[in-house]
Amino acid sequence: MNRLQIALEQIEFARGYSLRILDAIPHEQWFEFPSGSPSHVAWQAGHLAIAEYRLGIERIRGKRETDEQFFPASFLQNFGKDTVPVPNKGQYPEPKEILSVMRGVHEKVLEEVPRMTDDELDLPPHTDHPLAKTRLACLQWCANHEMLHAGQLGLIRRMLGFKPLW
């Protein structure tokens, strides 16, 4: 298995784990802030969609006008790294739309990234990243970042009163 295949396997594993947690939280509770939590499920899920877009597509091959077909620009305003989750459900897309964008971005990553050559993995990303200095590092961070937020999803789920998932 080469390093690109390993990175993609990690991305797929992380996404599968996130979806397992998301599937175990009723959509009616996606916008609830459990006591002591600074976030809600909808923000975490939307943030995962933009993170995979930015790390697995934008930094790998640059933005394209056609990206709007699977990644709405409004997601950056609602779920970007400097946004603050708010309890206003009306500010966000419905959970089904968030999941649809997550799926669309993930499918695009799995369609485009496998075409990369080994030499391309060592190139700098199209846009700078404070941690990932190569395209391979962007893909690796994509998986690691997703697992970090999967942990936050799991914690929010527990704070909503659900038992742990194993």
Protein backbone atom coordinates (compact mmCIF):
# COMPACT_ATOMS: atom_id res chain seq x y z
CA MET A 1 0.00 0.00 0.00
CA ASN A 2 1.45 3.39 -0.96
CA ARG A 3 1.26 6.58 1.09
CA LEU A 4 -1.67 8.00 -0.90
CA GLN A 5 -3.68 4.83 -0.33
CA ILE A 6 -2.87 4.99 3.39
CA ALA A 7 -4.00 8.63 3.61
CA LEU A 8 -7.26 7.83 1.79
CA GLU A 9 -7.87 4.81 4.00
CA GLN A 10 -7.46 7.04 7.07
CA ILE A 11 -9.89 9.62 5.62
CA GLU A 12 -12.46 6.90 4.91
CA PHE A 13 -12.07 5.40 8.39
CA ALA A 14 -12.48 8.79 10.07
CA ARG A 15 -15.56 9.65 8.00
CA GLY A 16 -17.12 6.28 8.72
CA TYR A 17 -16.58 6.81 12.44
CA SER A 18 -18.07 10.32 12.33
CA LEU A 19 -21.13 9.08 10.44
CA ARG A 20 -21.60 6.27 12.96
CA ILE A 21 -21.84 8.87 15.72
CA LEU A 22 -24.03 11.24 13.68
CA ASP A 23 -26.41 8.41 12.79
CA ALA A 24 -26.89 7.77 16.52
CA ILE A 25 -28.11 11.31 17.25
CA PRO A 26 -31.72 12.20 16.34
CA HIS A 27 -31.92 15.14 13.94
CA GLU A 28 -34.20 16.98 16.39
CA GLN A 29 -31.24 17.20 18.77
CA TRP A 30 -28.63 18.44 16.30
CA PHE A 31 -29.13 22.07 17.35
CA GLU A 32 -29.22 21.55 21.12
CA PHE A 33 -26.44 22.93 23.28
CA PRO A 34 -26.04 20.49 26.19
CA SER A 35 -25.22 22.23 29.46
CA GLY A 36 -21.55 23.19 29.42
CA SER A 37 -21.05 22.55 25.69
CA PRO A 38 -19.81 25.38 23.46
CA SER A 39 -21.10 23.63 20.34
CA HIS A 40 -23.87 21.53 18.82
CA VAL A 41 -23.98 18.56 16.49
CA ALA A 42 -25.05 20.55 13.40
CA TRP A 43 -22.05 22.88 13.65
CA GLN A 44 -19.64 19.97 14.11
CA ALA A 45 -21.06 18.11 11.09
CA GLY A 46 -21.04 21.20 8.87
CA HIS A 47 -17.50 21.97 9.98
CA LEU A 48 -16.41 18.47 8.94
CA ALA A 49 -17.83 19.12 5.46
CA ILE A 50 -15.87 22.35 5.03
CA ALA A 51 -12.71 20.87 6.51
CA GLU A 52 -12.73 17.95 4.09
CA TYR A 53 -13.43 20.35 1.21
CA ARG A 54 -10.58 22.68 2.15
CA LEU A 55 -8.05 19.95 3.03
CA GLY A 56 -8.99 17.31 0.47
CA ILE A 57 -9.98 19.46 -2.51
CA GLU A 58 -9.14 23.17 -2.29
CA ARG A 59 -5.60 22.72 -0.99
CA ILE A 60 -4.99 19.76 -3.30
CA ARG A 61 -6.11 21.19 -6.67
CA GLY A 62 -7.44 24.67 -5.95
CA LYS A 63 -11.00 26.02 -6.01
CA ARG A 64 -13.19 25.66 -9.10
CA GLU A 65 -16.44 27.41 -9.97
CA THR A 66 -18.08 23.99 -10.35
CA ASP A 67 -17.37 23.21 -6.68
CA GLU A 68 -20.58 25.07 -5.82
CA GLN A 69 -22.45 22.04 -7.23
CA PHE A 70 -21.45 19.94 -4.21
CA PHE A 71 -20.15 22.53 -1.73
CA PRO A 72 -22.32 25.64 -1.10
CA ALA A 73 -20.34 28.79 -0.27
CA SER A 74 -22.75 29.43 2.61
CA PHE A 75 -21.12 26.57 4.50
CA LEU A 76 -17.98 28.66 4.99
CA GLN A 77 -20.01 31.42 6.67
CA ASN A 78 -21.85 28.98 8.94
CA PHE A 79 -19.20 26.41 9.74
CA GLY A 80 -15.78 27.96 9.10
CA LYS A 81 -12.97 27.75 11.65
CA ASP A 82 -13.60 31.24 13.02
CA THR A 83 -17.38 30.86 13.31
CA VAL A 84 -19.10 30.44 16.65
CA PRO A 85 -21.98 27.95 16.91
CA VAL A 86 -25.25 29.68 17.82
CA PRO A 87 -28.52 28.22 19.13
CA ASN A 88 -30.50 29.73 16.23
CA LYS A 89 -31.62 26.68 14.23
CA GLY A 90 -32.84 28.96 11.43
CA GLN A 91 -29.28 30.08 10.69
CA TYR A 92 -28.24 26.59 9.61
CA PRO A 93 -29.22 24.10 6.93
CA GLU A 94 -31.27 21.10 8.02
CA PRO A 95 -29.36 17.98 9.10
CA LYS A 96 -30.27 16.17 5.85
CA GLU A 97 -28.66 18.96 3.82
CA ILE A 98 -25.56 18.98 6.01
CA LEU A 99 -25.22 15.21 5.57
CA SER A 100 -25.77 15.57 1.82
CA VAL A 101 -22.94 18.12 1.56
CA MET A 102 -20.71 15.90 3.70
CA ARG A 103 -21.42 13.02 1.29
CA GLY A 104 -20.88 15.13 -1.82
CA VAL A 105 -17.54 16.48 -0.63
CA HIS A 106 -16.38 13.05 0.49
CA GLU A 107 -17.34 11.47 -2.84
CA LYS A 108 -15.43 14.21 -4.70
CA VAL A 109 -12.32 13.62 -2.57
CA LEU A 110 -12.51 9.87 -3.27
CA GLU A 111 -13.00 10.59 -6.99
CA GLU A 112 -10.20 13.13 -7.46
CA VAL A 113 -7.47 12.40 -4.93
CA PRO A 114 -6.65 8.85 -6.13
CA ARG A 115 -5.52 10.38 -9.45
CA MET A 116 -2.63 12.17 -7.75
CA THR A 117 0.90 11.05 -8.50
CA ASP A 118 3.35 10.31 -5.73
CA ASP A 119 5.38 13.41 -6.69
CA GLU A 120 2.31 15.64 -6.32
CA LEU A 121 1.97 14.57 -2.69
CA ASP A 122 5.18 16.43 -1.86
CA LEU A 123 4.09 19.71 -3.45
CA PRO A 124 2.94 22.58 -1.24
CA PRO A 125 -0.82 23.00 -0.94
CA HIS A 126 -2.60 25.48 -3.23
CA THR A 127 -3.40 27.59 -0.17
CA ASP A 128 -1.22 27.74 2.91
CA HIS A 129 -2.05 25.76 6.01
CA PRO A 130 -0.43 26.42 9.40
CA LEU A 131 0.23 22.71 10.04
CA ALA A 132 0.23 20.95 6.67
CA LYS A 133 3.11 22.03 4.44
CA THR A 134 2.57 19.42 1.69
CA ARG A 135 -0.47 18.02 -0.06
CA LEU A 136 0.11 14.68 1.64
CA ALA A 137 0.17 16.44 5.01
CA CYS A 138 -3.17 18.09 4.11
CA LEU A 139 -4.70 14.66 3.48
CA GLN A 140 -3.24 13.28 6.70
CA TRP A 141 -4.51 16.26 8.67
CA CYS A 142 -7.93 15.82 7.03
CA ALA A 143 -8.25 12.40 8.69
CA ASN A 144 -6.76 13.54 12.01
CA HIS A 145 -8.93 16.67 12.14
CA GLU A 146 -12.03 14.58 11.46
CA MET A 147 -11.19 12.24 14.34
CA LEU A 148 -10.68 15.24 16.63
CA HIS A 149 -14.19 16.46 15.81
CA ALA A 150 -15.60 12.92 16.01
CA GLY A 151 -14.43 13.01 19.62
CA GLN A 152 -16.30 16.27 20.12
CA LEU A 153 -19.40 14.75 18.51
CA GLY A 154 -19.14 11.77 20.83
CA LEU A 155 -18.84 14.04 23.85
CA ILE A 156 -21.83 16.17 22.79
CA ARG A 157 -23.79 12.97 22.23
CA ARG A 158 -22.96 11.78 25.76
CA MET A 159 -23.89 15.21 27.15
CA LEU A 160 -27.27 14.82 25.42
CA GLY A 161 -27.80 11.76 27.61
CA PHE A 162 -26.88 8.90 25.29
CA LYS A 163 -24.77 5.89 26.25
CA PRO A 164 -21.30 5.53 24.70
CA LEU A 165 -20.95 3.88 21.30
CA TRP A 166 -18.45 1.06 20.88
